[in-house]
Amino acid sequence: MVRNVGRNVLGNMIGGGVIGATVASQVVRTEQDLGGKWMVTDGASNCGCEVQIRTGAGVIAQGFGRTSGYKLKDAKGGNMKNLSCSNAHLANAGRFALGYSFTGYDAVLALESGNGQPVAQLKRDGINYFSGTLADGTPVTMWRRGG
């Protein structure tokens, strides 16, 4: 609820204009937006790596001129790019799909390779924290610093 209040206040403050939309799209995130860099580990001493997640979430403009408005676009899926993972499963991660839960916690995050093979299934334990298992059953944790 606090995030929604913040988005509404920011939306009212920017009120319109291209600059306001650009600023809001860089600042305002929905709870579903996983865009950015994440750390991942399977607990092995050589497995602490980073992935980049790209989504289409943010604030987008609607309409033209003074009749334009803004709406939030949630991203419940998107692409992943391996930045430094040596684990074979994590290195093949190419896309994700985030499920829904009423509170957002325990929402299932499915990671897949580019050709649709399962890589991992995790559950949201916090806004910026997921835990679960790789396709071979190895425990895995994914987290992001900050909001």
C-alpha atoms as a PDB file:
ATOM      1  CA  MET A   1       0.000   0.000   0.000  1.00  0.00           C
ATOM      2  CA  VAL A   2       2.832   2.408   0.790  1.00  0.00           C
ATOM      3  CA  ARG A   3       4.321   1.889  -2.676  1.00  0.00           C
ATOM      4  CA  ASN A   4       0.951   2.654  -4.277  1.00  0.00           C
ATOM      5  CA  VAL A   5       0.647   5.880  -2.304  1.00  0.00           C
ATOM      6  CA  GLY A   6       4.155   6.863  -3.417  1.00  0.00           C
ATOM      7  CA  ARG A   7       3.325   6.123  -7.048  1.00  0.00           C
ATOM      8  CA  ASN A   8       0.084   8.124  -6.856  1.00  0.00           C
ATOM      9  CA  VAL A   9       1.816  11.119  -5.272  1.00  0.00           C
ATOM     10  CA  LEU A  10       4.605  11.016  -7.841  1.00  0.00           C
ATOM     11  CA  GLY A  11       2.083  10.614 -10.663  1.00  0.00           C
ATOM     12  CA  ASN A  12       0.179  13.676  -9.456  1.00  0.00           C
ATOM     13  CA  MET A  13       3.389  15.672  -9.064  1.00  0.00           C
ATOM     14  CA  ILE A  14       4.651  14.939 -12.575  1.00  0.00           C
ATOM     15  CA  GLY A  15       1.149  15.549 -13.913  1.00  0.00           C
ATOM     16  CA  GLY A  16       2.203  15.330 -17.532  1.00  0.00           C
ATOM     17  CA  GLY A  17       5.045  15.938 -19.882  1.00  0.00           C
ATOM     18  CA  VAL A  18       7.773  13.821 -21.320  1.00  0.00           C
ATOM     19  CA  ILE A  19      10.328  14.701 -18.648  1.00  0.00           C
ATOM     20  CA  GLY A  20       7.990  13.651 -15.840  1.00  0.00           C
ATOM     21  CA  ALA A  21       7.277  10.327 -17.544  1.00  0.00           C
ATOM     22  CA  THR A  22      10.970   9.663 -18.017  1.00  0.00           C
ATOM     23  CA  VAL A  23      11.788  10.426 -14.394  1.00  0.00           C
ATOM     24  CA  ALA A  24       8.886   8.349 -13.089  1.00  0.00           C
ATOM     25  CA  SER A  25       9.754   5.367 -15.280  1.00  0.00           C
ATOM     26  CA  GLN A  26      13.253   5.368 -13.815  1.00  0.00           C
ATOM     27  CA  VAL A  27      12.156   5.791 -10.201  1.00  0.00           C
ATOM     28  CA  VAL A  28       8.803   4.056  -9.777  1.00  0.00           C
ATOM     29  CA  ARG A  29       8.752   0.277  -9.643  1.00  0.00           C
ATOM     30  CA  THR A  30       5.887  -2.096  -9.155  1.00  0.00           C
ATOM     31  CA  GLU A  31       6.286  -5.005  -6.772  1.00  0.00           C
ATOM     32  CA  GLN A  32       6.430  -7.310  -9.800  1.00  0.00           C
ATOM     33  CA  ASP A  33       9.303  -5.465 -11.453  1.00  0.00           C
ATOM     34  CA  LEU A  34      12.427  -7.560 -11.138  1.00  0.00           C
ATOM     35  CA  GLY A  35      14.430  -5.425 -13.561  1.00  0.00           C
ATOM     36  CA  GLY A  36      18.065  -4.907 -12.665  1.00  0.00           C
ATOM     37  CA  LYS A  37      21.057  -6.868 -11.453  1.00  0.00           C
ATOM     38  CA  TRP A  38      20.610  -9.769  -9.042  1.00  0.00           C
ATOM     39  CA  MET A  39      23.096 -11.930  -7.174  1.00  0.00           C
ATOM     40  CA  VAL A  40      22.568 -15.699  -7.278  1.00  0.00           C
ATOM     41  CA  THR A  41      24.231 -18.570  -5.429  1.00  0.00           C
ATOM     42  CA  ASP A  42      23.761 -22.295  -5.097  1.00  0.00           C
ATOM     43  CA  GLY A  43      25.854 -22.327  -1.917  1.00  0.00           C
ATOM     44  CA  ALA A  44      28.988 -23.714  -3.585  1.00  0.00           C
ATOM     45  CA  SER A  45      32.194 -21.834  -2.828  1.00  0.00           C
ATOM     46  CA  ASN A  46      32.640 -20.933  -6.510  1.00  0.00           C
ATOM     47  CA  CYS A  47      29.014 -19.969  -7.164  1.00  0.00           C
ATOM     48  CA  GLY A  48      28.322 -16.369  -6.333  1.00  0.00           C
ATOM     49  CA  CYS A  49      27.283 -14.770  -9.570  1.00  0.00           C
ATOM     50  CA  GLU A  50      25.269 -11.982 -11.125  1.00  0.00           C
ATOM     51  CA  VAL A  51      22.393 -11.949 -13.619  1.00  0.00           C
ATOM     52  CA  GLN A  52      20.730  -9.029 -15.390  1.00  0.00           C
ATOM     53  CA  ILE A  53      16.926  -9.083 -15.614  1.00  0.00           C
ATOM     54  CA  ARG A  54      15.096  -6.966 -18.169  1.00  0.00           C
ATOM     55  CA  THR A  55      11.383  -6.234 -17.953  1.00  0.00           C
ATOM     56  CA  GLY A  56       8.972  -3.783 -19.522  1.00  0.00           C
ATOM     57  CA  ALA A  57       7.684  -2.424 -16.208  1.00  0.00           C
ATOM     58  CA  GLY A  58       7.429   1.229 -15.322  1.00  0.00           C
ATOM     59  CA  VAL A  59       5.274   4.260 -15.968  1.00  0.00           C
ATOM     60  CA  ILE A  60       4.123   4.654 -19.560  1.00  0.00           C
ATOM     61  CA  ALA A  61       2.382   7.593 -21.207  1.00  0.00           C
ATOM     62  CA  GLN A  62      -1.086   7.266 -22.750  1.00  0.00           C
ATOM     63  CA  GLY A  63      -2.694   9.646 -25.222  1.00  0.00           C
ATOM     64  CA  PHE A  64      -1.387  12.909 -26.631  1.00  0.00           C
ATOM     65  CA  GLY A  65      -0.966  16.469 -25.403  1.00  0.00           C
ATOM     66  CA  ARG A  66      -3.105  17.628 -22.504  1.00  0.00           C
ATOM     67  CA  THR A  67      -5.336  14.560 -22.676  1.00  0.00           C
ATOM     68  CA  SER A  68      -2.418  12.252 -21.972  1.00  0.00           C
ATOM     69  CA  GLY A  69      -2.150  10.327 -18.769  1.00  0.00           C
ATOM     70  CA  TYR A  70       0.064   7.679 -17.263  1.00  0.00           C
ATOM     71  CA  LYS A  71      -0.424   4.110 -16.184  1.00  0.00           C
ATOM     72  CA  LEU A  72       1.745   1.518 -14.512  1.00  0.00           C
ATOM     73  CA  LYS A  73       2.830  -1.409 -16.623  1.00  0.00           C
ATOM     74  CA  ASP A  74       3.623  -4.478 -14.521  1.00  0.00           C
ATOM     75  CA  ALA A  75       6.211  -6.972 -15.702  1.00  0.00           C
ATOM     76  CA  LYS A  76       5.520 -10.530 -14.671  1.00  0.00           C
ATOM     77  CA  GLY A  77       7.944 -11.930 -17.209  1.00  0.00           C
ATOM     78  CA  GLY A  78      11.022 -10.962 -19.144  1.00  0.00           C
ATOM     79  CA  ASN A  79      14.532 -11.849 -20.165  1.00  0.00           C
ATOM     80  CA  MET A  80      17.609 -12.771 -18.157  1.00  0.00           C
ATOM     81  CA  LYS A  81      21.262 -12.468 -19.085  1.00  0.00           C
ATOM     82  CA  ASN A  82      24.088 -14.297 -17.358  1.00  0.00           C
ATOM     83  CA  LEU A  83      26.765 -11.822 -16.298  1.00  0.00           C
ATOM     84  CA  SER A  84      29.097 -14.060 -14.289  1.00  0.00           C
ATOM     85  CA  CYS A  85      27.488 -17.431 -13.458  1.00  0.00           C
ATOM     86  CA  SER A  86      29.590 -20.567 -13.857  1.00  0.00           C
ATOM     87  CA  ASN A  87      26.877 -22.974 -12.643  1.00  0.00           C
ATOM     88  CA  ALA A  88      25.610 -24.706 -15.814  1.00  0.00           C
ATOM     89  CA  HIS A  89      21.926 -24.201 -14.932  1.00  0.00           C
ATOM     90  CA  LEU A  90      22.262 -20.537 -13.990  1.00  0.00           C
ATOM     91  CA  ALA A  91      24.486 -19.811 -16.994  1.00  0.00           C
ATOM     92  CA  ASN A  92      21.649 -20.997 -19.274  1.00  0.00           C
ATOM     93  CA  ALA A  93      18.911 -18.852 -17.693  1.00  0.00           C
ATOM     94  CA  GLY A  94      17.339 -16.797 -20.467  1.00  0.00           C
ATOM     95  CA  ARG A  95      13.882 -15.779 -19.257  1.00  0.00           C
ATOM     96  CA  PHE A  96      11.590 -15.719 -16.252  1.00  0.00           C
ATOM     97  CA  ALA A  97       7.930 -15.748 -15.277  1.00  0.00           C
ATOM     98  CA  LEU A  98       6.698 -14.435 -11.924  1.00  0.00           C
ATOM     99  CA  GLY A  99       3.493 -15.861 -10.504  1.00  0.00           C
ATOM    100  CA  TYR A 100       0.965 -14.082  -8.322  1.00  0.00           C
ATOM    101  CA  SER A 101       0.138 -14.262  -4.643  1.00  0.00           C
ATOM    102  CA  PHE A 102      -2.158 -11.981  -2.668  1.00  0.00           C
ATOM    103  CA  THR A 103       0.660 -10.584  -0.517  1.00  0.00           C
ATOM    104  CA  GLY A 104       3.432 -10.956  -3.106  1.00  0.00           C
ATOM    105  CA  TYR A 105       5.304 -13.320  -0.799  1.00  0.00           C
ATOM    106  CA  ASP A 106       5.557 -16.975  -1.832  1.00  0.00           C
ATOM    107  CA  ALA A 107       4.921 -15.958  -5.455  1.00  0.00           C
ATOM    108  CA  VAL A 108       6.611 -18.513  -7.702  1.00  0.00           C
ATOM    109  CA  LEU A 109       9.476 -17.326  -9.897  1.00  0.00           C
ATOM    110  CA  ALA A 110      10.220 -19.770 -12.717  1.00  0.00           C
ATOM    111  CA  LEU A 111      13.551 -19.439 -14.522  1.00  0.00           C
ATOM    112  CA  GLU A 112      13.937 -21.030 -17.942  1.00  0.00           C
ATOM    113  CA  SER A 113      16.613 -21.349 -20.577  1.00  0.00           C
ATOM    114  CA  GLY A 114      16.158 -19.561 -23.880  1.00  0.00           C
ATOM    115  CA  ASN A 115      14.653 -22.724 -25.378  1.00  0.00           C
ATOM    116  CA  GLY A 116      12.149 -23.197 -22.539  1.00  0.00           C
ATOM    117  CA  GLN A 117      13.946 -25.814 -20.440  1.00  0.00           C
ATOM    118  CA  PRO A 118      13.432 -25.385 -16.658  1.00  0.00           C
ATOM    119  CA  VAL A 119      16.413 -23.830 -14.864  1.00  0.00           C
ATOM    120  CA  ALA A 120      15.039 -23.108 -11.376  1.00  0.00           C
ATOM    121  CA  GLN A 121      11.878 -22.591  -9.382  1.00  0.00           C
ATOM    122  CA  LEU A 122      12.015 -20.112  -6.519  1.00  0.00           C
ATOM    123  CA  LYS A 123       9.554 -18.457  -4.152  1.00  0.00           C
ATOM    124  CA  ARG A 124       9.583 -14.836  -3.078  1.00  0.00           C
ATOM    125  CA  ASP A 125      10.642 -14.558   0.565  1.00  0.00           C
ATOM    126  CA  GLY A 126      10.999 -10.755   0.462  1.00  0.00           C
ATOM    127  CA  ILE A 127      10.681  -7.938  -2.073  1.00  0.00           C
ATOM    128  CA  ASN A 128      14.321  -8.421  -3.083  1.00  0.00           C
ATOM    129  CA  TYR A 129      14.900 -12.042  -2.018  1.00  0.00           C
ATOM    130  CA  PHE A 130      13.976 -15.414  -3.565  1.00  0.00           C
ATOM    131  CA  SER A 131      14.907 -18.973  -2.605  1.00  0.00           C
ATOM    132  CA  GLY A 132      14.203 -22.348  -4.164  1.00  0.00           C
ATOM    133  CA  THR A 133      15.899 -25.081  -6.170  1.00  0.00           C
ATOM    134  CA  LEU A 134      17.629 -25.531  -9.490  1.00  0.00           C
ATOM    135  CA  ALA A 135      16.254 -28.079 -11.958  1.00  0.00           C
ATOM    136  CA  ASP A 136      18.593 -30.723 -10.504  1.00  0.00           C
ATOM    137  CA  GLY A 137      17.335 -30.081  -6.932  1.00  0.00           C
ATOM    138  CA  THR A 138      20.281 -27.954  -5.740  1.00  0.00           C
ATOM    139  CA  PRO A 139      19.161 -25.168  -3.366  1.00  0.00           C
ATOM    140  CA  VAL A 140      19.528 -21.671  -4.827  1.00  0.00           C
ATOM    141  CA  THR A 141      19.110 -18.122  -3.517  1.00  0.00           C
ATOM    142  CA  MET A 142      18.651 -14.909  -5.511  1.00  0.00           C
ATOM    143  CA  TRP A 143      18.748 -11.415  -4.021  1.00  0.00           C
ATOM    144  CA  ARG A 144      19.101  -7.762  -4.954  1.00  0.00           C
ATOM    145  CA  ARG A 145      20.566  -4.992  -2.828  1.00  0.00           C
ATOM    146  CA  GLY A 146      18.389  -1.964  -2.314  1.00  0.00           C
ATOM    147  CA  GLY A 147      14.943  -1.340  -3.763  1.00  0.00           C
END
